[in-house]
N, C-alpha and C. Protein backbone atom coordinates (compact mmCIF):
# COMPACT_ATOMS: atom_id res chain seq x y z
N MET A 1 0.84 -1.17 0.00
CA MET A 1 0.00 0.00 0.00
C MET A 1 0.89 1.24 0.00
N ALA A 2 0.63 2.13 -0.91
CA ALA A 2 1.43 3.35 -1.02
C ALA A 2 0.99 4.35 0.05
N THR A 3 1.98 5.04 0.60
CA THR A 3 1.65 6.05 1.60
C THR A 3 1.70 7.42 0.97
N LYS A 4 0.83 8.28 1.44
CA LYS A 4 0.80 9.64 0.93
C LYS A 4 1.76 10.50 1.74
N LYS A 5 2.51 11.29 1.03
CA LYS A 5 3.40 12.23 1.70
C LYS A 5 2.66 13.55 1.86
N ALA A 6 2.72 14.10 3.02
CA ALA A 6 2.13 15.41 3.25
C ALA A 6 3.19 16.45 2.86
N THR A 7 2.99 17.06 1.70
CA THR A 7 3.96 18.05 1.24
C THR A 7 3.39 19.45 1.41
N LYS A 8 4.24 20.31 1.88
CA LYS A 8 3.84 21.70 2.04
C LYS A 8 3.91 22.36 0.67
N ALA A 9 2.88 23.09 0.33
CA ALA A 9 2.87 23.78 -0.96
C ALA A 9 4.00 24.80 -0.99
N ALA A 10 4.76 24.81 -2.06
CA ALA A 10 5.89 25.73 -2.19
C ALA A 10 5.36 27.16 -2.31
N SER A 11 6.05 28.06 -1.66
CA SER A 11 5.66 29.46 -1.75
C SER A 11 6.89 30.34 -1.80
N LEU A 12 6.71 31.55 -2.29
CA LEU A 12 7.78 32.52 -2.44
C LEU A 12 7.46 33.77 -1.64
N THR A 13 8.47 34.31 -0.97
CA THR A 13 8.32 35.58 -0.28
C THR A 13 8.93 36.65 -1.18
N ILE A 14 8.13 37.64 -1.56
CA ILE A 14 8.56 38.67 -2.49
C ILE A 14 8.54 40.01 -1.77
N THR A 15 9.66 40.76 -1.84
CA THR A 15 9.77 42.06 -1.19
C THR A 15 10.13 43.10 -2.23
N LEU A 16 9.41 44.22 -2.22
CA LEU A 16 9.72 45.33 -3.12
C LEU A 16 10.89 46.10 -2.55
N LYS A 17 12.01 46.14 -3.28
CA LYS A 17 13.24 46.77 -2.80
C LYS A 17 13.51 48.12 -3.45
N ARG A 18 12.94 48.38 -4.63
CA ARG A 18 13.18 49.64 -5.31
C ARG A 18 11.85 50.29 -5.65
N SER A 19 11.88 51.59 -5.82
CA SER A 19 10.68 52.37 -6.07
C SER A 19 10.07 52.07 -7.44
N LEU A 20 8.77 52.22 -7.52
CA LEU A 20 8.06 52.05 -8.77
C LEU A 20 7.99 53.35 -9.57
N ILE A 21 8.47 54.45 -8.98
CA ILE A 21 8.46 55.73 -9.68
C ILE A 21 9.36 55.62 -10.91
N GLY A 22 8.84 56.01 -12.05
CA GLY A 22 9.59 55.95 -13.29
C GLY A 22 9.50 54.62 -14.00
N SER A 23 8.82 53.66 -13.40
CA SER A 23 8.64 52.36 -14.04
C SER A 23 7.53 52.44 -15.07
N LYS A 24 7.53 51.49 -15.99
CA LYS A 24 6.47 51.43 -16.99
C LYS A 24 5.15 51.06 -16.33
N LYS A 25 4.07 51.47 -16.97
CA LYS A 25 2.74 51.21 -16.41
C LYS A 25 2.46 49.73 -16.21
N ASP A 26 2.93 48.90 -17.13
CA ASP A 26 2.68 47.46 -16.98
C ASP A 26 3.46 46.87 -15.82
N GLN A 27 4.63 47.42 -15.51
CA GLN A 27 5.40 46.95 -14.36
C GLN A 27 4.72 47.37 -13.06
N ILE A 28 4.18 48.57 -13.03
CA ILE A 28 3.47 49.04 -11.84
C ILE A 28 2.23 48.18 -11.61
N ALA A 29 1.51 47.86 -12.67
CA ALA A 29 0.32 47.01 -12.56
C ALA A 29 0.69 45.61 -12.08
N THR A 30 1.80 45.09 -12.55
CA THR A 30 2.25 43.76 -12.14
C THR A 30 2.61 43.76 -10.66
N ALA A 31 3.30 44.80 -10.20
CA ALA A 31 3.65 44.90 -8.78
C ALA A 31 2.40 44.97 -7.92
N GLU A 32 1.42 45.74 -8.35
CA GLU A 32 0.18 45.85 -7.59
C GLU A 32 -0.60 44.54 -7.60
N SER A 33 -0.50 43.78 -8.68
CA SER A 33 -1.19 42.47 -8.71
C SER A 33 -0.56 41.49 -7.73
N LEU A 34 0.72 41.71 -7.40
CA LEU A 34 1.38 40.89 -6.38
C LEU A 34 1.14 41.42 -4.98
N GLY A 35 0.51 42.59 -4.86
CA GLY A 35 0.24 43.18 -3.56
C GLY A 35 1.37 44.07 -3.06
N LEU A 36 2.22 44.54 -3.97
CA LEU A 36 3.35 45.39 -3.61
C LEU A 36 3.06 46.83 -4.04
N ARG A 37 3.01 47.73 -3.07
CA ARG A 37 2.71 49.12 -3.38
C ARG A 37 3.80 50.08 -2.93
N LYS A 38 4.42 49.79 -1.81
CA LYS A 38 5.45 50.66 -1.26
C LYS A 38 6.75 49.89 -1.09
N ILE A 39 7.87 50.59 -1.06
CA ILE A 39 9.15 49.96 -0.80
C ILE A 39 9.08 49.27 0.56
N GLY A 40 9.54 48.05 0.61
CA GLY A 40 9.53 47.29 1.86
C GLY A 40 8.33 46.39 2.03
N ASN A 41 7.29 46.55 1.18
CA ASN A 41 6.13 45.66 1.25
C ASN A 41 6.58 44.24 0.92
N THR A 42 6.05 43.29 1.68
CA THR A 42 6.37 41.88 1.47
C THR A 42 5.08 41.10 1.30
N THR A 43 5.11 40.13 0.42
CA THR A 43 3.95 39.28 0.19
C THR A 43 4.41 37.84 -0.02
N VAL A 44 3.56 36.89 0.31
CA VAL A 44 3.85 35.47 0.09
C VAL A 44 2.92 35.00 -1.02
N GLN A 45 3.52 34.45 -2.07
CA GLN A 45 2.76 34.00 -3.24
C GLN A 45 3.10 32.54 -3.51
N PRO A 46 2.19 31.80 -4.15
CA PRO A 46 2.49 30.41 -4.50
C PRO A 46 3.57 30.36 -5.58
N ASP A 47 4.36 29.31 -5.54
CA ASP A 47 5.42 29.13 -6.54
C ASP A 47 4.82 28.40 -7.74
N ASN A 48 4.40 29.17 -8.74
CA ASN A 48 3.84 28.61 -9.96
C ASN A 48 4.33 29.43 -11.15
N PRO A 49 4.08 28.97 -12.37
CA PRO A 49 4.58 29.70 -13.54
C PRO A 49 4.06 31.13 -13.66
N GLN A 50 2.83 31.38 -13.23
CA GLN A 50 2.29 32.73 -13.31
C GLN A 50 3.06 33.69 -12.40
N THR A 51 3.33 33.27 -11.18
CA THR A 51 4.07 34.10 -10.25
C THR A 51 5.51 34.28 -10.73
N ARG A 52 6.12 33.23 -11.24
CA ARG A 52 7.49 33.32 -11.75
C ARG A 52 7.57 34.32 -12.91
N GLY A 53 6.56 34.37 -13.76
CA GLY A 53 6.54 35.33 -14.86
C GLY A 53 6.46 36.75 -14.36
N LYS A 54 5.65 36.99 -13.33
CA LYS A 54 5.55 38.33 -12.74
C LYS A 54 6.88 38.74 -12.12
N ILE A 55 7.53 37.80 -11.45
CA ILE A 55 8.82 38.09 -10.82
C ILE A 55 9.86 38.42 -11.88
N LYS A 56 9.83 37.70 -12.99
CA LYS A 56 10.79 37.95 -14.07
C LYS A 56 10.62 39.37 -14.61
N LYS A 57 9.39 39.83 -14.70
CA LYS A 57 9.11 41.17 -15.21
C LYS A 57 9.62 42.24 -14.24
N LEU A 58 9.63 41.93 -12.95
CA LEU A 58 10.03 42.90 -11.92
C LEU A 58 11.36 42.54 -11.26
N SER A 59 12.17 41.72 -11.90
CA SER A 59 13.38 41.19 -11.27
C SER A 59 14.32 42.27 -10.76
N HIS A 60 14.34 43.42 -11.41
CA HIS A 60 15.24 44.50 -11.00
C HIS A 60 14.68 45.33 -9.84
N LEU A 61 13.43 45.06 -9.44
CA LEU A 61 12.80 45.83 -8.37
C LEU A 61 12.53 45.03 -7.10
N VAL A 62 12.56 43.71 -7.20
CA VAL A 62 12.15 42.88 -6.07
C VAL A 62 13.27 41.94 -5.61
N GLU A 63 13.08 41.43 -4.39
CA GLU A 63 13.95 40.39 -3.83
C GLU A 63 13.06 39.20 -3.51
N VAL A 64 13.48 38.02 -3.93
CA VAL A 64 12.66 36.82 -3.77
C VAL A 64 13.40 35.78 -2.94
N THR A 65 12.69 35.22 -1.96
CA THR A 65 13.23 34.10 -1.18
C THR A 65 12.17 33.01 -1.13
N GLU A 66 12.62 31.77 -1.04
CA GLU A 66 11.68 30.66 -0.93
C GLU A 66 11.24 30.50 0.52
N ALA A 67 9.94 30.43 0.71
CA ALA A 67 9.40 30.32 2.06
C ALA A 67 9.11 28.88 2.41
């Protein structure tokens, strides 16, 4: 009989490190979709392709750690 492993869903902690002032409108919208509005804001998001794409778009503005 196979046993089920209880795996914790992978998640990423994303912190806005640089200002959105002067950024393109689509980058600002992407940051807001992640819940980042001010420098120092931190959010926990699931580790999936959609989130990874958003991070790639904002890679120069955010810091990412695995939670």
